[in-house]
Amino acid sequence: MSENKKLYEHAPDPQSDGARVDLADEMTYGRHLMLDQLLSAQQPLSTDHNEWLFIIQHQTTELWMKLALIELRAACAAIAADQLPIAFKTLARVARILEHLVHAWGVLVTMTPSEFSAIRPYLGSGSGFQSWQYREIEFVLGNKNAATLKAHAHRADLHTQLEAALAAPSLYDQAIGLLGRRGLPIAASVLTRRSFLKDSRRMPGSTKEKHDAQIAIAPIESNARDLSPIARAPRSGASACSRNRERYGHHQCASRRRYRESSP
């Protein structure tokens, strides 16, 4: 015991390096990040140790999606204002966020299907499909489907928020609008496509609209693809799975598939 005390006596004093330790009335790390609230937001419903991983994994995912939405809205505003350097930088950050979210699976797949099955009954009807931030990211990127709003009808505040995102010009709309302002021959039905979002009788992203968009951007798509920061983001679960198979072997991807199959 005395030997340990001698070791600790020689430990460096943070104050000798200029660190402040009297923080009673100061803005601190924990206060700024509201860590008391953040770290008390994990409330497992079971006694299973693995539920901590499930909760923290999904809560941190929602935090990263919140940042992705903030950056995507900023990118849309920058494109609308023809501030492309800002838009490119912002979209590069979004690409890194999405890449990070894909790599985060490397932690969750350490939970086996049987371990997930043990906590699944405690989740009730909960499902990742109900994530309103994920839905809003889809809308902001341009994948708009009004039918998906039904899952959020029980929350009037969220339903209103998602309706606004559905009706607003997406990142795709802003990019096409930019091309039109730069003099490229964009079909009028594509430039005005967001006006259809207010008509509940017509679903956005119809086959005709997609066809017009493909015709409009085909001549420049191959040249623009390599310049887009988004093009460097992980494009699908399949491609991410292929990369992880090379790094970690077949077992990780097989575990991920089993996990998805066991989810509601």
Protein backbone atom coordinates (compact mmCIF):
# COMPACT_ATOMS: atom_id res chain seq x y z
CA MET A 1 0.00 0.00 0.00
CA SER A 2 2.83 2.38 0.89
CA GLU A 3 4.60 1.57 -2.38
CA ASN A 4 1.50 2.57 -4.35
CA LYS A 5 1.29 5.80 -2.38
CA LYS A 6 4.87 6.64 -3.34
CA LEU A 7 4.05 6.02 -7.00
CA TYR A 8 1.07 8.37 -6.86
CA GLU A 9 3.09 11.05 -5.11
CA HIS A 10 5.21 11.38 -8.25
CA ALA A 11 2.21 11.67 -10.58
CA PRO A 12 2.14 15.00 -12.45
CA ASP A 13 -0.08 17.75 -11.08
CA PRO A 14 -2.40 19.13 -13.81
CA GLN A 15 -2.14 22.58 -12.23
CA SER A 16 1.58 22.65 -12.93
CA ASP A 17 0.70 22.50 -16.65
CA GLY A 18 -1.69 25.43 -16.35
CA ALA A 19 -4.92 23.45 -15.96
CA ARG A 20 -7.66 25.18 -13.99
CA VAL A 21 -9.27 23.08 -11.28
CA ASP A 22 -11.49 25.62 -9.52
CA LEU A 23 -14.48 25.48 -11.88
CA ALA A 24 -17.43 26.10 -9.59
CA ASP A 25 -18.71 29.13 -11.51
CA GLU A 26 -17.15 28.43 -14.91
CA MET A 27 -18.42 26.97 -18.16
CA THR A 28 -17.04 23.45 -18.06
CA TYR A 29 -16.75 20.55 -20.48
CA GLY A 30 -19.66 18.73 -18.84
CA ARG A 31 -21.91 21.78 -18.65
CA HIS A 32 -21.33 22.76 -22.26
CA LEU A 33 -22.10 19.24 -23.48
CA MET A 34 -24.90 18.77 -20.93
CA LEU A 35 -23.35 15.45 -20.00
CA ASP A 36 -25.58 14.90 -16.97
CA GLN A 37 -28.63 14.82 -19.24
CA LEU A 38 -26.88 12.99 -22.05
CA LEU A 39 -25.42 10.20 -19.94
CA SER A 40 -28.66 9.68 -18.02
CA ALA A 41 -30.68 9.17 -21.22
CA GLN A 42 -29.83 5.46 -21.40
CA GLN A 43 -32.55 3.57 -19.55
CA PRO A 44 -32.47 -0.17 -20.33
CA LEU A 45 -35.78 -1.98 -19.91
CA SER A 46 -34.16 -5.35 -19.32
CA THR A 47 -31.35 -6.60 -17.09
CA ASP A 48 -29.46 -7.86 -20.13
CA HIS A 49 -25.99 -6.34 -20.45
CA ASN A 50 -26.28 -6.16 -24.25
CA GLU A 51 -29.15 -3.68 -24.16
CA TRP A 52 -26.61 -0.99 -23.26
CA LEU A 53 -24.88 -1.54 -26.59
CA PHE A 54 -28.18 -1.47 -28.47
CA ILE A 55 -29.31 1.79 -26.85
CA ILE A 56 -26.00 3.64 -27.09
CA GLN A 57 -25.45 2.51 -30.68
CA HIS A 58 -28.80 3.89 -31.78
CA GLN A 59 -28.68 7.05 -29.70
CA THR A 60 -25.29 7.98 -31.14
CA THR A 61 -26.62 7.16 -34.62
CA GLU A 62 -29.45 9.62 -34.05
CA LEU A 63 -26.95 12.27 -32.93
CA TRP A 64 -24.88 11.80 -36.09
CA MET A 65 -28.05 11.95 -38.19
CA LYS A 66 -28.95 15.21 -36.46
CA LEU A 67 -25.60 16.66 -37.55
CA ALA A 68 -26.08 15.24 -41.06
CA LEU A 69 -29.43 17.05 -41.31
CA ILE A 70 -27.92 20.31 -40.09
CA GLU A 71 -25.18 20.04 -42.72
CA LEU A 72 -27.56 18.97 -45.51
CA ARG A 73 -29.83 21.94 -44.87
CA ALA A 74 -26.77 24.22 -44.92
CA ALA A 75 -25.65 22.64 -48.20
CA CYS A 76 -29.08 23.22 -49.76
CA ALA A 77 -28.99 26.86 -48.69
CA ALA A 78 -25.47 27.29 -50.05
CA ILE A 79 -26.38 25.80 -53.44
CA ALA A 80 -29.48 28.00 -53.64
CA ALA A 81 -27.22 31.01 -53.02
CA ASP A 82 -24.64 29.82 -55.59
CA GLN A 83 -22.04 29.46 -52.84
CA LEU A 84 -20.55 26.25 -54.18
CA PRO A 85 -17.28 26.17 -52.19
CA ILE A 86 -19.33 26.18 -48.99
CA ALA A 87 -21.68 23.53 -50.39
CA PHE A 88 -18.78 21.26 -51.40
CA LYS A 89 -17.14 21.54 -47.98
CA THR A 90 -20.42 20.87 -46.22
CA LEU A 91 -21.23 17.86 -48.38
CA ALA A 92 -17.75 16.47 -47.79
CA ARG A 93 -18.55 16.54 -44.07
CA VAL A 94 -21.87 14.77 -44.71
CA ALA A 95 -20.00 12.08 -46.65
CA ARG A 96 -17.70 11.50 -43.69
CA ILE A 97 -20.67 11.31 -41.31
CA LEU A 98 -22.34 8.67 -43.48
CA GLU A 99 -19.08 6.76 -43.74
CA HIS A 100 -18.74 6.83 -39.97
CA LEU A 101 -22.27 5.50 -39.55
CA VAL A 102 -21.46 2.56 -41.83
CA HIS A 103 -18.30 1.75 -39.87
CA ALA A 104 -20.28 1.93 -36.61
CA TRP A 105 -21.80 -1.42 -37.58
CA GLY A 106 -18.42 -2.88 -36.61
CA VAL A 107 -19.40 -2.37 -32.95
CA LEU A 108 -23.02 -3.49 -33.20
CA VAL A 109 -22.21 -6.76 -34.97
CA THR A 110 -20.41 -7.91 -31.83
CA MET A 111 -23.94 -8.60 -30.56
CA THR A 112 -24.96 -12.03 -31.78
CA PRO A 113 -28.44 -12.81 -33.12
CA SER A 114 -29.26 -14.81 -30.00
CA GLU A 115 -28.19 -11.91 -27.79
CA PHE A 116 -30.40 -9.55 -29.77
CA SER A 117 -33.31 -12.00 -29.55
CA ALA A 118 -33.02 -11.87 -25.76
CA ILE A 119 -33.70 -8.12 -25.65
CA ARG A 120 -36.05 -7.88 -28.65
CA PRO A 121 -39.25 -8.49 -26.62
CA TYR A 122 -38.48 -5.40 -24.52
CA LEU A 123 -38.48 -3.17 -27.61
CA GLY A 124 -42.19 -3.72 -28.23
CA SER A 125 -43.23 -2.29 -31.61
CA GLY A 126 -40.05 -0.18 -31.79
CA SER A 127 -38.20 -0.32 -35.10
CA GLY A 128 -35.58 1.72 -36.92
CA PHE A 129 -38.23 2.35 -39.57
CA GLN A 130 -39.78 4.80 -37.09
CA SER A 131 -36.72 7.07 -37.01
CA TRP A 132 -38.04 10.45 -38.13
CA GLN A 133 -34.53 11.82 -38.65
CA TYR A 134 -33.73 8.99 -41.07
CA ARG A 135 -36.96 9.80 -42.90
CA GLU A 136 -36.09 13.49 -43.05
CA ILE A 137 -32.64 12.70 -44.44
CA GLU A 138 -34.36 10.73 -47.21
CA PHE A 139 -36.62 13.70 -47.98
CA VAL A 140 -33.79 16.24 -47.92
CA LEU A 141 -31.74 14.09 -50.30
CA GLY A 142 -34.70 13.79 -52.67
CA ASN A 143 -36.10 10.33 -51.93
CA LYS A 144 -39.63 11.54 -51.19
CA ASN A 145 -42.51 9.23 -50.47
CA ALA A 146 -45.55 10.73 -48.74
CA ALA A 147 -46.78 7.27 -47.71
CA THR A 148 -43.94 6.97 -45.19
CA LEU A 149 -45.46 9.83 -43.17
CA LYS A 150 -48.10 7.44 -41.85
CA ALA A 151 -45.66 5.95 -39.35
CA HIS A 152 -45.42 9.38 -37.68
CA ALA A 153 -49.11 10.31 -37.60
CA HIS A 154 -49.23 9.67 -33.83
CA ARG A 155 -46.90 12.64 -33.29
CA ALA A 156 -48.44 15.82 -34.73
CA ASP A 157 -45.25 17.82 -34.20
CA LEU A 158 -43.08 15.32 -36.05
CA HIS A 159 -45.66 14.82 -38.79
CA THR A 160 -45.71 18.59 -39.41
CA GLN A 161 -41.91 18.72 -39.47
CA LEU A 162 -41.68 15.87 -41.98
CA GLU A 163 -44.45 17.34 -44.14
CA ALA A 164 -42.40 20.53 -44.38
CA ALA A 165 -39.32 18.53 -45.41
CA LEU A 166 -41.40 16.65 -47.97
CA ALA A 167 -42.64 19.90 -49.53
CA ALA A 168 -39.31 21.75 -49.44
CA PRO A 169 -36.81 21.63 -52.33
CA SER A 170 -34.42 18.73 -51.79
CA LEU A 171 -30.68 18.66 -52.33
CA TYR A 172 -31.46 17.08 -55.70
CA ASP A 173 -33.84 19.93 -56.56
CA GLN A 174 -31.24 22.51 -55.57
CA ALA A 175 -28.56 20.84 -57.67
CA ILE A 176 -30.82 20.64 -60.73
CA GLY A 177 -31.85 24.26 -60.20
CA LEU A 178 -28.19 25.25 -60.13
CA LEU A 179 -27.58 23.49 -63.43
CA GLY A 180 -30.53 25.36 -64.91
CA ARG A 181 -29.18 28.69 -63.67
CA ARG A 182 -25.85 27.86 -65.26
CA GLY A 183 -27.53 27.53 -68.64
CA LEU A 184 -27.74 23.76 -68.99
CA PRO A 185 -30.83 22.45 -70.85
CA ILE A 186 -32.91 21.09 -67.96
CA ALA A 187 -36.46 19.94 -68.67
CA ALA A 188 -39.06 22.33 -67.27
CA SER A 189 -40.91 19.46 -65.57
CA VAL A 190 -37.75 18.77 -63.59
CA LEU A 191 -37.10 22.39 -62.61
CA THR A 192 -40.66 22.73 -61.29
CA ARG A 193 -41.03 19.23 -59.83
CA ARG A 194 -41.21 20.49 -56.24
CA SER A 195 -44.55 22.16 -57.01
CA PHE A 196 -46.08 18.69 -57.25
CA LEU A 197 -45.14 17.94 -53.63
CA LYS A 198 -48.03 20.11 -52.41
CA ASP A 199 -50.49 17.94 -54.32
CA SER A 200 -51.28 14.94 -52.12
CA ARG A 201 -52.92 13.20 -55.05
CA ARG A 202 -49.64 12.91 -56.89
CA MET A 203 -46.68 11.14 -55.36
CA PRO A 204 -43.34 12.92 -55.85
CA GLY A 205 -40.63 11.14 -57.74
CA SER A 206 -42.95 9.67 -60.36
CA THR A 207 -41.61 7.56 -63.21
CA LYS A 208 -42.03 10.42 -65.68
CA GLU A 209 -40.17 12.86 -63.43
CA LYS A 210 -37.33 10.41 -62.96
CA HIS A 211 -37.20 9.80 -66.72
CA ASP A 212 -37.08 13.55 -67.43
CA ALA A 213 -34.34 13.98 -64.85
CA GLN A 214 -32.25 11.21 -66.34
CA ILE A 215 -32.53 12.77 -69.80
CA ALA A 216 -31.75 16.21 -68.43
CA ILE A 217 -28.56 15.31 -66.59
CA ALA A 218 -27.22 12.39 -68.65
CA PRO A 219 -24.80 14.50 -70.77
CA ILE A 220 -23.07 15.95 -67.71
CA GLU A 221 -23.44 13.17 -65.17
CA SER A 222 -20.26 11.33 -66.08
CA ASN A 223 -18.18 14.50 -65.83
CA ALA A 224 -19.70 15.63 -62.53
CA ARG A 225 -19.58 12.27 -60.77
CA ASP A 226 -15.90 12.39 -59.87
CA LEU A 227 -16.20 15.95 -58.51
CA SER A 228 -19.02 15.27 -56.07
CA PRO A 229 -18.08 14.68 -52.41
CA ILE A 230 -21.21 12.58 -52.03
CA ALA A 231 -19.91 10.21 -54.71
CA ARG A 232 -17.17 9.17 -52.30
CA ALA A 233 -19.60 8.22 -49.53
CA PRO A 234 -20.54 4.55 -48.99
CA ARG A 235 -23.26 3.85 -51.54
CA SER A 236 -25.00 0.82 -50.17
CA GLY A 237 -25.02 -1.75 -47.47
CA ALA A 238 -23.89 -4.31 -50.02
CA SER A 239 -20.75 -2.37 -50.97
CA ALA A 240 -19.97 -1.68 -47.31
CA CYS A 241 -20.43 -5.35 -46.59
CA SER A 242 -17.98 -6.24 -49.36
CA ARG A 243 -15.37 -3.92 -47.90
CA ASN A 244 -15.88 -5.28 -44.40
CA ARG A 245 -15.64 -8.84 -45.68
CA GLU A 246 -12.17 -8.01 -47.00
CA ARG A 247 -11.16 -6.50 -43.65
CA TYR A 248 -12.80 -8.78 -41.12
CA GLY A 249 -13.79 -11.88 -43.02
CA HIS A 250 -17.17 -13.37 -43.89
CA HIS A 251 -18.35 -13.78 -40.30
CA GLN A 252 -19.02 -10.07 -39.67
CA CYS A 253 -21.19 -9.62 -42.76
CA ALA A 254 -23.07 -12.82 -42.03
CA SER A 255 -23.74 -11.55 -38.51
CA ARG A 256 -25.01 -8.28 -39.91
CA ARG A 257 -27.42 -10.09 -42.22
CA ARG A 258 -28.74 -12.22 -39.38
CA TYR A 259 -29.18 -9.09 -37.25
CA ARG A 260 -31.19 -7.37 -39.99
CA GLU A 261 -33.33 -10.46 -40.49
CA SER A 262 -34.11 -10.58 -36.77
CA SER A 263 -35.11 -6.91 -36.67
CA PRO A 264 -38.77 -6.03 -37.20
